[in-house]
N, C-alpha and C. Protein backbone atom coordinates (compact mmCIF):
# COMPACT_ATOMS: atom_id res chain seq x y z
N MET A 1 36.09 -20.37 13.91
CA MET A 1 34.65 -19.72 14.15
C MET A 1 33.24 -20.95 13.78
N THR A 2 32.51 -21.44 14.85
CA THR A 2 31.66 -22.31 14.67
C THR A 2 30.29 -21.60 14.11
N ALA A 3 29.84 -22.34 13.54
CA ALA A 3 28.88 -22.09 12.32
C ALA A 3 27.35 -20.79 13.35
N ASP A 4 27.14 -20.96 14.86
CA ASP A 4 26.70 -20.00 15.27
C ASP A 4 27.15 -19.10 15.52
N ALA A 5 28.89 -18.92 15.67
CA ALA A 5 29.01 -17.89 15.96
C ALA A 5 29.09 -16.57 14.84
N ALA A 6 29.23 -17.44 13.60
CA ALA A 6 29.08 -16.73 12.47
C ALA A 6 27.41 -16.13 12.11
N THR A 7 26.64 -16.84 12.69
CA THR A 7 25.39 -16.31 12.61
C THR A 7 24.96 -15.00 12.93
N PRO A 8 24.27 -14.19 12.37
CA PRO A 8 23.97 -13.08 12.94
C PRO A 8 22.67 -13.30 14.18
N SER A 9 22.96 -12.54 15.17
CA SER A 9 21.64 -12.96 16.12
C SER A 9 20.61 -12.18 15.68
N PHE A 10 19.42 -12.75 16.14
CA PHE A 10 17.99 -12.09 15.79
C PHE A 10 17.38 -11.43 17.01
N VAL A 11 17.06 -10.12 16.49
CA VAL A 11 16.60 -9.01 17.24
C VAL A 11 15.06 -8.51 16.59
N GLN A 12 14.12 -8.21 17.74
CA GLN A 12 13.18 -7.51 17.57
C GLN A 12 13.20 -6.24 18.11
N ILE A 13 12.76 -5.17 17.23
CA ILE A 13 12.78 -3.78 17.47
C ILE A 13 10.98 -3.48 17.19
N PHE A 14 10.93 -3.13 18.71
CA PHE A 14 9.12 -2.65 18.47
C PHE A 14 9.19 -0.95 18.81
N THR A 15 8.29 -0.34 17.69
CA THR A 15 8.72 0.86 17.72
C THR A 15 7.64 1.77 18.18
N ASP A 16 7.72 2.98 18.30
CA ASP A 16 6.36 3.87 18.14
C ASP A 16 6.87 5.36 18.63
N GLY A 17 6.44 6.84 17.77
CA GLY A 17 6.54 8.07 17.96
C GLY A 17 5.33 8.52 18.47
N ALA A 18 4.99 9.66 19.24
CA ALA A 18 3.95 10.04 19.43
C ALA A 18 4.55 12.09 19.26
N CYS A 19 3.69 12.72 19.55
CA CYS A 19 3.81 14.28 18.88
C CYS A 19 2.57 14.68 19.12
N SER A 20 2.14 15.81 20.16
CA SER A 20 1.38 16.64 20.94
C SER A 20 1.31 18.20 19.97
N GLY A 21 0.49 17.79 19.18
CA GLY A 21 0.39 18.98 18.21
C GLY A 21 1.62 18.20 16.87
N ASN A 22 1.51 18.90 15.53
CA ASN A 22 1.93 18.27 14.70
C ASN A 22 2.95 19.77 13.57
N PRO A 23 3.83 20.34 13.99
CA PRO A 23 4.75 20.09 14.91
C PRO A 23 4.14 20.62 16.57
N GLY A 24 5.00 19.82 17.30
CA GLY A 24 4.93 20.01 18.46
C GLY A 24 5.88 19.37 19.34
N PRO A 25 5.74 19.02 20.93
CA PRO A 25 6.58 18.59 21.95
C PRO A 25 6.20 17.01 21.19
N GLY A 26 7.57 16.02 21.23
CA GLY A 26 7.46 14.81 20.87
C GLY A 26 8.18 13.54 21.44
N GLY A 27 7.64 12.42 21.16
CA GLY A 27 8.01 11.25 22.04
C GLY A 27 8.70 10.08 21.15
N TRP A 28 9.51 9.42 21.62
CA TRP A 28 9.95 8.03 20.85
C TRP A 28 9.67 7.33 21.74
N ALA A 29 9.63 5.63 21.67
CA ALA A 29 10.04 4.44 21.99
C ALA A 29 10.42 3.44 21.38
N CYS A 30 11.07 2.60 22.16
CA CYS A 30 11.59 1.41 21.26
C CYS A 30 11.60 0.14 22.31
N ILE A 31 11.32 -0.88 22.22
CA ILE A 31 11.39 -2.03 22.76
C ILE A 31 12.35 -2.89 21.96
N LEU A 32 13.46 -3.33 22.37
CA LEU A 32 14.45 -4.32 22.10
C LEU A 32 14.46 -5.57 22.51
N ARG A 33 14.13 -6.88 21.97
CA ARG A 33 14.10 -8.05 22.44
C ARG A 33 15.12 -9.01 21.58
N HIS A 34 15.86 -9.82 22.74
CA HIS A 34 16.55 -11.04 22.02
C HIS A 34 16.01 -12.10 22.52
N PRO A 35 15.06 -12.43 21.39
CA PRO A 35 14.37 -13.95 21.37
C PRO A 35 15.13 -15.06 22.11
N ALA A 36 16.43 -15.39 21.51
CA ALA A 36 16.99 -16.43 21.86
C ALA A 36 17.13 -16.52 23.60
N SER A 37 17.81 -15.55 23.96
CA SER A 37 18.13 -15.07 25.53
C SER A 37 17.00 -14.73 26.18
N GLY A 38 15.80 -14.28 25.50
CA GLY A 38 14.61 -13.75 26.25
C GLY A 38 15.02 -12.38 27.03
N LYS A 39 15.73 -11.96 26.83
CA LYS A 39 16.21 -10.56 27.36
C LYS A 39 15.33 -9.48 26.55
N GLU A 40 15.03 -8.61 27.63
CA GLU A 40 14.30 -7.22 26.70
C GLU A 40 14.83 -6.11 27.53
N ALA A 41 14.63 -4.63 26.66
CA ALA A 41 15.07 -3.31 27.60
C ALA A 41 14.15 -2.36 26.37
N GLU A 42 13.79 -1.44 27.59
CA GLU A 42 12.75 -0.38 27.18
C GLU A 42 13.96 0.93 26.78
N PHE A 43 13.17 1.55 25.84
CA PHE A 43 14.16 2.82 25.67
C PHE A 43 12.70 4.44 25.25
N SER A 44 13.05 5.06 25.85
CA SER A 44 12.51 6.21 25.21
C SER A 44 13.23 7.42 25.40
N GLY A 45 12.83 8.69 24.92
CA GLY A 45 13.14 9.89 24.54
C GLY A 45 12.10 10.88 23.42
N GLY A 46 12.81 12.14 23.46
CA GLY A 46 11.85 13.13 22.83
C GLY A 46 12.46 14.55 22.72
N ALA A 47 11.55 15.34 21.81
CA ALA A 47 12.42 16.33 21.54
C ALA A 47 10.89 17.69 21.94
N ALA A 48 11.42 18.76 22.32
CA ALA A 48 9.96 19.96 22.88
C ALA A 48 9.52 20.59 21.08
N GLU A 49 10.12 20.22 19.81
CA GLU A 49 9.55 20.54 18.46
C GLU A 49 10.05 20.03 17.66
N THR A 50 8.98 18.92 17.58
CA THR A 50 9.01 17.89 16.49
C THR A 50 8.10 17.54 15.84
N THR A 51 7.55 16.77 15.06
CA THR A 51 6.86 15.94 14.20
C THR A 51 6.53 14.22 14.53
N ASN A 52 5.35 14.09 14.57
CA ASN A 52 5.44 12.64 14.66
C ASN A 52 5.95 11.58 13.39
N ASN A 53 6.22 12.32 12.30
CA ASN A 53 7.28 11.29 11.35
C ASN A 53 8.57 11.43 11.87
N GLN A 54 8.74 12.48 12.41
CA GLN A 54 10.26 12.10 13.03
C GLN A 54 10.41 11.59 14.37
N MET A 55 9.46 11.46 15.10
CA MET A 55 9.44 10.76 16.31
C MET A 55 9.48 9.22 16.13
N GLU A 56 8.89 8.97 14.97
CA GLU A 56 8.49 7.34 14.48
C GLU A 56 9.90 7.04 13.87
N LEU A 57 10.41 8.05 12.92
CA LEU A 57 12.08 7.62 12.39
C LEU A 57 12.66 7.63 13.63
N GLN A 58 12.62 8.47 14.49
CA GLN A 58 13.68 8.37 15.54
C GLN A 58 13.94 6.96 16.59
N ALA A 59 12.19 6.74 16.44
CA ALA A 59 12.42 5.42 17.38
C ALA A 59 13.24 4.17 17.07
N VAL A 60 13.08 4.15 15.63
CA VAL A 60 13.57 2.87 14.85
C VAL A 60 15.32 3.45 14.84
N ILE A 61 15.63 4.57 14.50
CA ILE A 61 16.82 4.73 15.13
C ILE A 61 17.83 4.65 16.12
N GLU A 62 16.79 4.81 17.15
CA GLU A 62 17.24 4.78 18.65
C GLU A 62 17.12 3.03 18.83
N GLY A 63 16.56 2.34 18.46
CA GLY A 63 16.43 0.84 18.45
C GLY A 63 17.92 0.64 17.75
N LEU A 64 18.14 0.73 16.55
CA LEU A 64 19.20 0.19 15.56
C LEU A 64 20.56 0.79 16.63
N LYS A 65 20.54 1.74 17.01
CA LYS A 65 21.69 2.44 17.44
C LYS A 65 22.35 1.65 18.33
N ARG A 66 21.22 1.16 19.39
CA ARG A 66 21.47 0.21 20.26
C ARG A 66 22.19 -0.65 20.28
N LEU A 67 22.06 -1.34 19.10
CA LEU A 67 22.83 -2.92 18.46
C LEU A 67 24.16 -2.92 18.64
N THR A 68 25.09 -3.43 19.01
CA THR A 68 26.38 -3.79 19.13
C THR A 68 26.96 -4.70 18.24
N ARG A 69 26.37 -5.49 17.26
CA ARG A 69 26.99 -6.01 16.43
C ARG A 69 25.94 -6.27 15.33
N ARG A 70 26.31 -6.48 13.62
CA ARG A 70 25.40 -7.22 12.87
C ARG A 70 24.67 -8.45 13.47
N SER A 71 23.27 -7.63 13.07
CA SER A 71 21.74 -8.52 13.64
C SER A 71 20.89 -8.57 12.39
N ARG A 72 20.41 -10.04 12.30
CA ARG A 72 18.96 -10.04 11.87
C ARG A 72 18.06 -9.10 12.54
N VAL A 73 17.06 -8.24 11.79
CA VAL A 73 16.31 -7.55 12.92
C VAL A 73 15.03 -7.30 12.09
N GLU A 74 13.96 -7.50 13.40
CA GLU A 74 12.23 -7.42 12.65
C GLU A 74 12.34 -6.10 13.39
N VAL A 75 11.99 -5.00 12.63
CA VAL A 75 11.36 -3.58 13.16
C VAL A 75 9.76 -3.94 12.89
N VAL A 76 9.28 -3.57 14.30
CA VAL A 76 7.68 -3.95 14.39
C VAL A 76 7.18 -2.13 14.33
N THR A 77 6.39 -1.88 13.64
CA THR A 77 5.92 -0.76 13.58
C THR A 77 4.55 -0.34 13.22
N ASP A 78 4.05 0.87 13.65
CA ASP A 78 2.75 0.93 13.35
C ASP A 78 2.55 2.18 12.38
N SER A 79 3.87 2.93 11.86
CA SER A 79 3.76 3.81 10.82
C SER A 79 4.42 3.13 9.32
N SER A 80 3.11 3.34 8.67
CA SER A 80 3.63 3.22 7.03
C SER A 80 4.65 4.03 6.45
N TYR A 81 4.62 5.30 7.14
CA TYR A 81 5.37 6.32 6.08
C TYR A 81 7.37 5.34 6.57
N VAL A 82 7.46 4.80 7.65
CA VAL A 82 8.53 4.16 8.09
C VAL A 82 8.75 3.17 7.67
N ALA A 83 7.71 2.27 7.43
CA ALA A 83 7.85 0.95 6.86
C ALA A 83 8.29 0.95 5.41
N LYS A 84 7.25 1.88 4.48
CA LYS A 84 7.28 1.95 3.17
C LYS A 84 8.63 2.49 2.61
N GLY A 85 9.15 3.78 3.68
CA GLY A 85 9.81 4.40 3.23
C GLY A 85 11.63 3.73 3.45
N CYS A 86 11.46 2.98 4.24
CA CYS A 86 12.58 2.00 4.28
C CYS A 86 12.70 1.21 3.48
N ALA A 87 11.32 0.23 2.94
CA ALA A 87 11.86 -1.02 1.98
C ALA A 87 10.77 -0.26 0.55
N GLU A 88 10.39 0.81 0.31
CA GLU A 88 10.00 1.18 -1.01
C GLU A 88 10.93 2.18 -1.71
N TRP A 89 10.40 3.51 -0.83
CA TRP A 89 11.32 4.72 -1.29
C TRP A 89 12.67 5.27 -1.41
N LEU A 90 13.30 4.84 0.00
CA LEU A 90 14.88 5.28 0.09
C LEU A 90 15.95 4.76 -0.72
N PRO A 91 16.11 3.84 -1.54
CA PRO A 91 16.92 3.43 -2.69
C PRO A 91 16.56 4.71 -4.02
N GLY A 92 15.32 4.81 -4.28
CA GLY A 92 15.05 6.16 -5.34
C GLY A 92 15.24 7.57 -4.31
N TRP A 93 15.44 7.38 -3.52
CA TRP A 93 15.54 9.37 -2.49
C TRP A 93 17.41 9.28 -3.17
N LYS A 94 17.78 8.23 -2.74
CA LYS A 94 19.21 8.09 -2.64
C LYS A 94 19.93 8.35 -4.13
N ARG A 95 19.25 7.28 -4.89
CA ARG A 95 19.41 7.74 -6.66
C ARG A 95 19.47 9.16 -6.75
N ASN A 96 18.26 9.46 -6.40
CA ASN A 96 17.83 10.80 -6.76
C ASN A 96 18.43 12.00 -5.82
N GLY A 97 19.68 11.59 -5.04
CA GLY A 97 20.17 13.00 -4.85
C GLY A 97 19.83 13.44 -3.31
N TRP A 98 19.02 12.25 -2.44
CA TRP A 98 18.04 12.44 -1.41
C TRP A 98 16.54 13.65 -1.66
N GLN A 99 16.19 13.40 -2.99
CA GLN A 99 15.10 14.35 -3.62
C GLN A 99 14.02 13.10 -3.98
N ARG A 100 13.00 13.72 -4.15
CA ARG A 100 11.65 12.78 -4.63
C ARG A 100 11.11 13.54 -5.50
N ARG A 101 10.20 12.85 -5.87
CA ARG A 101 9.61 13.48 -7.43
C ARG A 101 8.32 13.95 -6.90
N ASP A 102 7.88 15.37 -7.56
CA ASP A 102 6.84 15.91 -6.91
C ASP A 102 6.18 16.64 -8.52
N GLY A 103 5.42 15.64 -9.17
CA GLY A 103 4.96 16.02 -10.55
C GLY A 103 6.12 15.59 -11.46
N LYS A 104 6.72 16.66 -12.37
CA LYS A 104 8.06 16.31 -12.99
C LYS A 104 9.14 16.86 -12.83
N LYS A 105 9.04 17.67 -11.32
CA LYS A 105 10.53 18.14 -11.14
C LYS A 105 10.66 17.10 -9.46
N LEU A 106 11.78 17.04 -8.99
CA LEU A 106 12.65 16.73 -7.92
C LEU A 106 12.77 17.93 -7.06
N VAL A 107 12.27 17.44 -5.61
CA VAL A 107 12.02 18.42 -4.63
C VAL A 107 12.74 17.24 -3.24
N PRO A 108 13.18 18.44 -2.36
CA PRO A 108 14.13 17.62 -1.10
C PRO A 108 13.01 16.66 -0.67
N ILE A 109 13.53 15.64 0.21
CA ILE A 109 12.82 14.94 1.02
C ILE A 109 12.73 15.21 1.92
N LYS A 110 11.29 15.10 2.98
CA LYS A 110 11.42 15.98 4.31
C LYS A 110 12.12 14.89 5.00
N ASN A 111 12.59 15.34 6.29
CA ASN A 111 13.55 14.58 7.18
C ASN A 111 14.45 13.86 6.96
N GLU A 112 15.35 14.29 5.54
CA GLU A 112 16.31 14.13 5.21
C GLU A 112 17.57 13.77 6.40
N ASP A 113 17.55 14.29 7.27
CA ASP A 113 18.93 14.03 8.22
C ASP A 113 18.29 12.97 8.99
N HIS A 114 17.04 12.73 9.40
CA HIS A 114 16.63 11.33 9.87
C HIS A 114 16.50 9.83 8.84
N TRP A 115 16.70 10.49 7.61
CA TRP A 115 16.47 9.26 6.57
C TRP A 115 18.24 9.02 6.40
N ARG A 116 18.89 9.85 6.57
CA ARG A 116 20.12 9.38 5.98
C ARG A 116 20.76 8.69 7.29
N GLU A 117 20.44 9.21 8.78
CA GLU A 117 21.19 8.03 9.78
C GLU A 117 20.68 6.84 9.61
N LEU A 118 19.19 7.00 9.25
CA LEU A 118 18.66 5.55 9.30
C LEU A 118 19.23 4.75 8.43
N ASP A 119 19.45 5.16 7.23
CA ASP A 119 19.95 4.39 5.95
C ASP A 119 21.49 3.85 6.49
N GLY A 120 22.40 4.96 6.96
CA GLY A 120 23.31 4.03 7.54
C GLY A 120 23.05 3.45 8.46
N LEU A 121 22.29 2.91 9.56
CA LEU A 121 22.19 1.90 10.26
C LEU A 121 21.47 0.86 9.77
N LEU A 122 20.61 1.11 9.00
CA LEU A 122 20.06 -0.07 8.03
C LEU A 122 21.46 -1.28 6.97
N ALA A 123 22.12 -0.32 6.82
CA ALA A 123 23.26 -1.14 6.04
C ALA A 123 23.70 -2.10 6.75
N LYS A 124 24.17 -1.57 8.29
CA LYS A 124 24.66 -2.57 9.13
C LYS A 124 24.21 -3.76 9.65
N HIS A 125 22.70 -3.53 9.44
CA HIS A 125 22.06 -4.97 9.61
C HIS A 125 21.19 -5.54 8.62
N SER A 126 20.71 -6.49 9.06
CA SER A 126 19.76 -7.22 7.65
C SER A 126 18.27 -6.90 8.70
N VAL A 127 17.53 -6.22 7.96
CA VAL A 127 16.59 -5.37 8.72
C VAL A 127 15.08 -5.78 7.83
N LYS A 128 14.24 -6.34 8.25
CA LYS A 128 13.18 -6.32 7.43
C LYS A 128 11.78 -5.62 8.34
N PHE A 129 10.82 -4.97 7.80
CA PHE A 129 9.81 -4.43 8.45
C PHE A 129 8.23 -5.09 8.76
N THR A 130 8.10 -5.27 9.72
CA THR A 130 6.49 -5.63 10.01
C THR A 130 5.81 -4.69 10.32
N LEU A 131 4.43 -4.17 9.15
CA LEU A 131 3.44 -3.22 9.84
C LEU A 131 1.95 -3.58 10.64
N VAL A 132 2.21 -3.03 11.67
CA VAL A 132 1.29 -3.10 12.34
C VAL A 132 0.34 -2.38 12.69
N LYS A 133 -1.20 -2.76 13.11
CA LYS A 133 -2.00 -1.14 13.02
C LYS A 133 -1.87 -0.90 14.23
N GLY A 134 -2.01 0.41 14.39
CA GLY A 134 -1.52 0.93 15.85
C GLY A 134 -2.88 1.24 16.93
N HIS A 135 -2.54 1.42 17.70
CA HIS A 135 -3.92 1.15 18.82
C HIS A 135 -4.88 0.30 18.78
N ALA A 136 -4.56 -1.17 18.48
CA ALA A 136 -5.41 -2.07 18.01
C ALA A 136 -4.95 -3.23 18.74
N GLY A 137 -4.29 -2.81 19.97
CA GLY A 137 -4.30 -3.98 21.27
C GLY A 137 -3.11 -4.56 21.06
N HIS A 138 -1.91 -4.44 20.14
CA HIS A 138 -0.56 -5.03 19.72
C HIS A 138 -0.29 -4.77 21.31
N PRO A 139 0.23 -5.68 22.07
CA PRO A 139 0.97 -5.27 23.32
C PRO A 139 1.99 -4.73 23.30
N GLU A 140 3.44 -4.77 22.56
CA GLU A 140 4.35 -4.15 22.44
C GLU A 140 3.76 -2.81 21.93
N ASN A 141 3.32 -2.69 20.57
CA ASN A 141 3.01 -1.28 20.50
C ASN A 141 2.32 -0.38 21.16
N GLU A 142 1.26 -1.08 21.72
CA GLU A 142 0.88 -0.19 23.02
C GLU A 142 1.81 0.11 24.27
N ARG A 143 2.70 -0.48 24.58
CA ARG A 143 3.57 -0.30 25.54
C ARG A 143 4.09 0.63 25.09
N CYS A 144 4.84 0.79 23.66
CA CYS A 144 5.67 1.58 23.14
C CYS A 144 5.11 3.20 23.05
N ASP A 145 4.06 3.32 22.41
CA ASP A 145 3.10 4.24 22.76
C ASP A 145 2.83 4.86 24.08
N VAL A 146 2.50 4.40 25.30
CA VAL A 146 2.60 4.62 26.80
C VAL A 146 3.64 5.56 26.64
N LEU A 147 4.84 4.62 26.36
CA LEU A 147 6.27 5.54 26.80
C LEU A 147 6.50 6.59 26.11
N ALA A 148 6.05 6.68 24.60
CA ALA A 148 6.30 7.93 23.88
C ALA A 148 5.48 8.88 23.89
N VAL A 149 4.42 8.55 24.33
CA VAL A 149 3.54 9.90 25.06
C VAL A 149 4.15 10.55 26.44
N ALA A 150 4.54 9.45 27.28
CA ALA A 150 5.16 9.65 28.46
C ALA A 150 6.22 11.10 28.08
N ALA A 151 7.12 10.22 27.31
CA ALA A 151 8.47 11.14 27.06
C ALA A 151 8.02 12.66 26.49
N ALA A 152 6.61 12.19 25.47
CA ALA A 152 6.19 13.78 24.90
C ALA A 152 6.09 14.83 26.12
N GLU A 153 5.26 14.15 27.08
CA GLU A 153 5.15 15.07 28.40
C GLU A 153 5.74 15.51 28.73
N LEU A 154 6.98 15.07 28.91
CA LEU A 154 7.97 15.79 29.66
C LEU A 154 8.46 17.04 28.93
N PHE A 155 8.13 17.57 27.81
CA PHE A 155 8.78 18.55 26.97
C PHE A 155 7.48 19.29 26.64
N LYS A 156 6.30 19.45 27.68
CA LYS A 156 5.12 20.21 27.28
C LYS A 156 5.33 21.32 28.24
């Protein structure tokens, strides 16, 4: 095997979630980009009764699920909930049995099923998160927003 074949491929995943009401009809979207080949693909979907945070998580989940081999991944999101959750909070939640501290007691985390699925996918890749400001002209974030809102509209 050559050194190039052993090196994981680099992929960018741009994500966004949207919800009309919270909870309410929601949508997610992601753009997968393989810079080395120039290939790019868009995906979106939604649910009739969901929350914005669930759709933000689902966008990352859906992007990572589409990778067919171990990759170096940059996830670009406007969700500090997702970025901080993955980078900072997840290890503690797992250590505490998927619970978080609320004062002196532990309480179940919200969206545990999404976090568990995302945790499994993160373990398969080398992932870093880049947080961008939403609705601030970032081209891929704006495109994901359009796709996510359109997906949410299908459930109204």
